Amino acid sequence: MTRVVLFILGFSMLVCAACAQPDAPPAEVRSSPEAAAPETAPPHVARPRIVFLGDSLTAGYGLAKEESVPSLIQSRLRAEGYPYEVVNAGVSGDTSAGGLSRLDWSLEGDVRVLVLELGGNDGLRGLPVASMKRNLTEIITRAQSRGIKVLLTGMEAPPNFGPAYTAEFRQAFRDLSRLPGVVYMPFYLDGVAGIPELNLPDGIHPNAEGSRIIERALWGVLEPMLEKSPGARSASR
């Protein structure tokens, strides 16, 4: 709990600076599912996909391409013999509304799992929790309607907007975790938040070592959702 408090305190220090700057994604953020395909994958082979829909924490802000959590998961899948293609649909600065607006594009192809990591920027900006919850609910239900499994990752809000907002924000993720079929990782930055040596100088974004810690924790939740030999299926789009 102490580390979570340190994280949200550090998170709050960036509110004014972040709101004063444009939310353009960093150069390493990929802009299409095709760009996320491993270079070793034959272009004619269509594999089932795992899509990471998120913000800068997913995009790998400040990291080399291969150090982002989705890239580390792709390497783990390959090592463990799972024939999935990971798509990094993370966009720096994105909110839950932004993720919803690009959902259909992000779910192109044979998507089997959606890792949903959004909400941090809603909390950073003090956006209405009810709107965030509604957006995330819509993302979850629309993905599930396509037969896609959903892994939801939780986030904490900064304390700037008062304890009532922070409590409401936390409760929203708990409520979402109870939706039918949702697999839940309570705090995406668990074991990393509030630890300076695991984060970039901004105190918010994980460095390469922090990213590896997140990947290991996420893998423990994600792997039970996967199949070693997923059969082809046609999904209506």
Protein backbone atom coordinates (compact mmCIF):
# COMPACT_ATOMS: atom_id res chain seq x y z
CA MET A 1 0.00 0.00 0.00
CA THR A 2 2.88 2.36 0.77
CA ARG A 3 4.20 1.96 -2.77
CA VAL A 4 0.77 2.70 -4.21
CA VAL A 5 0.60 5.89 -2.15
CA LEU A 6 4.05 6.91 -3.36
CA PHE A 7 2.94 6.27 -6.92
CA ILE A 8 -0.20 8.35 -6.74
CA LEU A 9 1.67 11.16 -5.01
CA GLY A 10 4.25 11.17 -7.79
CA PHE A 11 1.42 10.85 -10.29
CA SER A 12 -0.18 14.00 -8.94
CA MET A 13 3.01 16.03 -9.44
CA LEU A 14 2.68 15.58 -13.19
CA VAL A 15 -0.93 16.71 -13.48
CA CYS A 16 -0.27 20.34 -14.35
CA ALA A 17 2.66 19.57 -16.63
CA ALA A 18 0.83 16.81 -18.47
CA CYS A 19 -2.31 18.84 -18.97
CA ALA A 20 -0.29 21.72 -20.38
CA GLN A 21 1.32 19.63 -23.08
CA PRO A 22 -0.17 17.94 -26.17
CA ASP A 23 -0.84 14.24 -26.00
CA ALA A 24 1.01 13.30 -29.15
CA PRO A 25 2.23 9.71 -28.95
CA PRO A 26 5.98 9.17 -28.70
CA ALA A 27 7.85 8.08 -31.80
CA GLU A 28 7.98 4.45 -30.74
CA VAL A 29 4.20 4.09 -30.55
CA ARG A 30 3.08 1.93 -33.43
CA SER A 31 0.15 3.11 -35.49
CA SER A 32 -1.15 -0.08 -37.08
CA PRO A 33 -1.65 -3.74 -36.19
CA GLU A 34 0.67 -4.72 -39.02
CA ALA A 35 3.51 -2.75 -37.46
CA ALA A 36 3.24 -4.86 -34.30
CA ALA A 37 3.91 -8.17 -36.06
CA PRO A 38 7.28 -9.73 -35.18
CA GLU A 39 9.82 -9.39 -37.96
CA THR A 40 10.35 -13.14 -38.02
CA ALA A 41 6.70 -13.93 -38.75
CA PRO A 42 6.00 -14.96 -42.36
CA PRO A 43 3.71 -12.30 -43.84
CA HIS A 44 1.32 -14.88 -45.29
CA VAL A 45 0.67 -16.60 -41.96
CA ALA A 46 -2.37 -15.28 -40.10
CA ARG A 47 -2.13 -16.02 -36.40
CA PRO A 48 -4.65 -15.43 -33.61
CA ARG A 49 -4.05 -12.09 -31.96
CA ILE A 50 -3.70 -10.65 -28.49
CA VAL A 51 -4.42 -6.93 -28.59
CA PHE A 52 -3.12 -4.56 -25.92
CA LEU A 53 -5.41 -1.52 -25.88
CA GLY A 54 -3.92 1.13 -23.63
CA ASP A 55 -2.05 4.35 -23.09
CA SER A 56 1.64 5.19 -22.66
CA LEU A 57 2.09 2.34 -20.16
CA THR A 58 1.18 -0.07 -22.95
CA ALA A 59 2.90 1.85 -25.74
CA GLY A 60 6.18 1.64 -23.84
CA TYR A 61 6.83 5.35 -23.39
CA GLY A 62 10.54 6.06 -22.97
CA LEU A 63 11.55 2.48 -23.74
CA ALA A 64 13.07 0.72 -26.71
CA LYS A 65 10.48 -1.09 -28.80
CA GLU A 66 11.51 -4.51 -27.53
CA GLU A 67 11.28 -3.37 -23.88
CA SER A 68 7.57 -2.58 -23.87
CA VAL A 69 5.30 -4.97 -22.00
CA PRO A 70 3.50 -6.17 -25.18
CA SER A 71 6.86 -6.92 -26.82
CA LEU A 72 8.03 -8.83 -23.75
CA ILE A 73 4.79 -10.81 -23.79
CA GLN A 74 5.38 -11.61 -27.48
CA SER A 75 8.82 -12.98 -26.63
CA ARG A 76 7.35 -15.02 -23.78
CA LEU A 77 4.66 -16.46 -26.05
CA ARG A 78 7.29 -17.52 -28.56
CA ALA A 79 9.45 -19.10 -25.87
CA GLU A 80 6.52 -20.98 -24.34
CA GLY A 81 5.21 -22.23 -27.68
CA TYR A 82 2.03 -20.18 -27.95
CA PRO A 83 1.31 -19.20 -31.59
CA TYR A 84 -0.20 -15.77 -30.94
CA GLU A 85 0.62 -12.42 -32.51
CA VAL A 86 0.70 -9.48 -30.12
CA VAL A 87 -0.64 -6.14 -31.31
CA ASN A 88 0.47 -3.08 -29.36
CA ALA A 89 -2.45 -0.67 -29.65
CA GLY A 90 -1.12 1.66 -26.97
CA VAL A 91 -1.29 5.41 -27.58
CA SER A 92 0.38 7.86 -25.23
CA GLY A 93 -2.05 10.21 -23.54
CA ASP A 94 -5.10 8.16 -24.48
CA THR A 95 -8.19 8.14 -22.27
CA SER A 96 -10.96 5.58 -22.01
CA ALA A 97 -12.95 7.62 -24.54
CA GLY A 98 -10.04 7.58 -26.97
CA GLY A 99 -9.68 3.83 -26.61
CA LEU A 100 -13.37 3.34 -27.28
CA SER A 101 -13.22 5.53 -30.37
CA ARG A 102 -10.55 3.33 -31.97
CA LEU A 103 -11.81 -0.01 -30.69
CA ASP A 104 -13.15 -1.39 -33.98
CA TRP A 105 -9.89 -0.64 -35.78
CA SER A 106 -7.89 -2.17 -32.95
CA LEU A 107 -9.88 -5.41 -33.04
CA GLU A 108 -9.29 -6.14 -36.71
CA GLY A 109 -8.14 -9.65 -37.51
CA ASP A 110 -8.51 -12.87 -35.52
CA VAL A 111 -8.37 -11.33 -32.04
CA ARG A 112 -8.71 -13.84 -29.21
CA VAL A 113 -7.72 -11.76 -26.16
CA LEU A 114 -7.99 -8.05 -25.37
CA VAL A 115 -5.71 -6.71 -22.64
CA LEU A 116 -7.43 -3.49 -21.56
CA GLU A 117 -5.12 -0.96 -19.87
CA LEU A 118 -6.92 2.39 -19.85
CA GLY A 119 -8.16 4.86 -17.27
CA GLY A 120 -4.93 6.32 -15.95
CA ASN A 121 -5.24 9.48 -18.03
CA ASP A 122 -8.89 9.84 -17.05
CA GLY A 123 -7.73 9.95 -13.44
CA LEU A 124 -4.83 12.27 -14.22
CA ARG A 125 -7.22 14.79 -15.74
CA GLY A 126 -9.95 14.34 -13.15
CA LEU A 127 -12.48 13.26 -15.77
CA PRO A 128 -15.83 11.96 -14.50
CA VAL A 129 -15.46 8.44 -13.17
CA ALA A 130 -18.93 7.53 -14.41
CA SER A 131 -17.88 8.34 -17.97
CA MET A 132 -14.70 6.29 -17.68
CA LYS A 133 -16.65 3.35 -16.29
CA ARG A 134 -19.20 3.62 -19.09
CA ASN A 135 -16.46 3.72 -21.74
CA LEU A 136 -14.61 0.73 -20.33
CA THR A 137 -17.86 -1.20 -19.98
CA GLU A 138 -18.62 -0.54 -23.63
CA ILE A 139 -15.16 -1.70 -24.69
CA ILE A 140 -15.53 -4.89 -22.68
CA THR A 141 -19.02 -5.75 -23.89
CA ARG A 142 -18.23 -4.99 -27.53
CA ALA A 143 -15.11 -7.14 -27.41
CA GLN A 144 -16.96 -9.99 -25.73
CA SER A 145 -19.73 -9.79 -28.33
CA ARG A 146 -17.06 -10.75 -30.88
CA GLY A 147 -16.04 -13.78 -28.81
CA ILE A 148 -12.92 -12.05 -27.48
CA LYS A 149 -11.69 -12.72 -23.95
CA VAL A 150 -10.97 -9.60 -21.90
CA LEU A 151 -8.19 -9.07 -19.37
CA LEU A 152 -8.79 -5.82 -17.49
CA THR A 153 -5.91 -4.14 -15.63
CA GLY A 154 -6.67 -1.84 -12.72
CA MET A 155 -5.22 1.60 -12.06
CA GLU A 156 -5.14 4.14 -9.23
CA ALA A 157 -6.14 7.81 -9.41
CA PRO A 158 -3.94 10.62 -8.05
CA PRO A 159 -5.10 12.26 -4.81
CA ASN A 160 -5.37 15.76 -6.32
CA PHE A 161 -9.13 15.58 -6.71
CA GLY A 162 -9.85 14.44 -3.18
CA PRO A 163 -10.46 11.14 -1.39
CA ALA A 164 -13.99 10.80 -2.71
CA TYR A 165 -12.78 10.84 -6.32
CA THR A 166 -9.96 8.41 -5.55
CA ALA A 167 -12.35 5.99 -3.85
CA GLU A 168 -14.89 6.24 -6.66
CA PHE A 169 -12.15 5.62 -9.23
CA ARG A 170 -10.92 2.52 -7.41
CA GLN A 171 -14.45 1.20 -6.96
CA ALA A 172 -15.16 1.61 -10.69
CA PHE A 173 -12.44 -0.90 -11.54
CA ARG A 174 -13.69 -3.28 -8.87
CA ASP A 175 -17.18 -3.09 -10.36
CA LEU A 176 -15.83 -3.67 -13.87
CA SER A 177 -13.89 -6.70 -12.66
CA ARG A 178 -17.19 -8.30 -11.68
CA LEU A 179 -18.63 -8.16 -15.19
CA PRO A 180 -19.22 -11.68 -16.54
CA GLY A 181 -16.20 -13.26 -18.13
CA VAL A 182 -13.72 -10.50 -17.23
CA VAL A 183 -10.28 -11.56 -16.01
CA TYR A 184 -8.80 -8.98 -13.67
CA MET A 185 -5.31 -7.80 -12.74
CA PRO A 186 -6.01 -5.43 -9.82
CA PHE A 187 -3.11 -2.99 -10.30
CA TYR A 188 -1.06 -2.84 -13.49
CA LEU A 189 1.92 -1.23 -11.74
CA ASP A 190 1.97 -3.53 -8.74
CA GLY A 191 5.53 -4.04 -7.53
CA VAL A 192 6.77 -1.13 -9.65
CA ALA A 193 4.85 1.97 -8.58
CA GLY A 194 6.66 4.19 -6.11
CA ILE A 195 10.04 2.50 -6.56
CA PRO A 196 12.45 5.02 -8.14
CA GLU A 197 14.90 2.46 -9.49
CA LEU A 198 12.10 0.77 -11.46
CA ASN A 199 10.77 3.92 -13.11
CA LEU A 200 11.88 6.65 -15.48
CA PRO A 201 12.80 10.02 -13.95
CA ASP A 202 9.15 11.14 -14.22
CA GLY A 203 8.26 8.63 -11.52
CA ILE A 204 5.29 7.34 -13.49
CA HIS A 205 6.47 5.30 -16.45
CA PRO A 206 8.34 2.04 -15.79
CA ASN A 207 11.90 1.68 -17.03
CA ALA A 208 13.14 -1.51 -18.69
CA GLU A 209 13.42 -3.41 -15.39
CA GLY A 210 10.01 -2.21 -14.26
CA SER A 211 8.54 -3.30 -17.57
CA ARG A 212 9.93 -6.80 -17.04
CA ILE A 213 8.32 -6.98 -13.60
CA ILE A 214 4.94 -5.99 -15.05
CA GLU A 215 5.34 -8.55 -17.84
CA ARG A 216 5.98 -11.35 -15.34
CA ALA A 217 2.93 -10.44 -13.27
CA LEU A 218 0.73 -10.00 -16.33
CA TRP A 219 1.87 -13.31 -17.78
CA GLY A 220 0.63 -15.13 -14.69
CA VAL A 221 -2.87 -13.76 -15.35
CA LEU A 222 -2.78 -14.01 -19.14
CA GLU A 223 -1.40 -17.50 -19.68
CA PRO A 224 -4.47 -19.37 -18.32
CA MET A 225 -6.53 -17.58 -20.98
CA LEU A 226 -4.47 -19.01 -23.86
CA GLU A 227 -4.47 -22.20 -25.89
CA LYS A 228 -1.36 -23.94 -27.19
CA SER A 229 -3.14 -24.82 -30.45
CA PRO A 230 -5.91 -22.28 -31.01
CA GLY A 231 -8.02 -23.36 -33.96
CA ALA A 232 -8.90 -20.91 -36.69
CA ARG A 233 -12.26 -19.23 -36.39
CA SER A 234 -14.13 -16.69 -38.42
CA ALA A 235 -15.53 -13.78 -36.48
CA SER A 236 -18.15 -11.40 -37.80
CA ARG A 237 -16.85 -7.88 -38.08
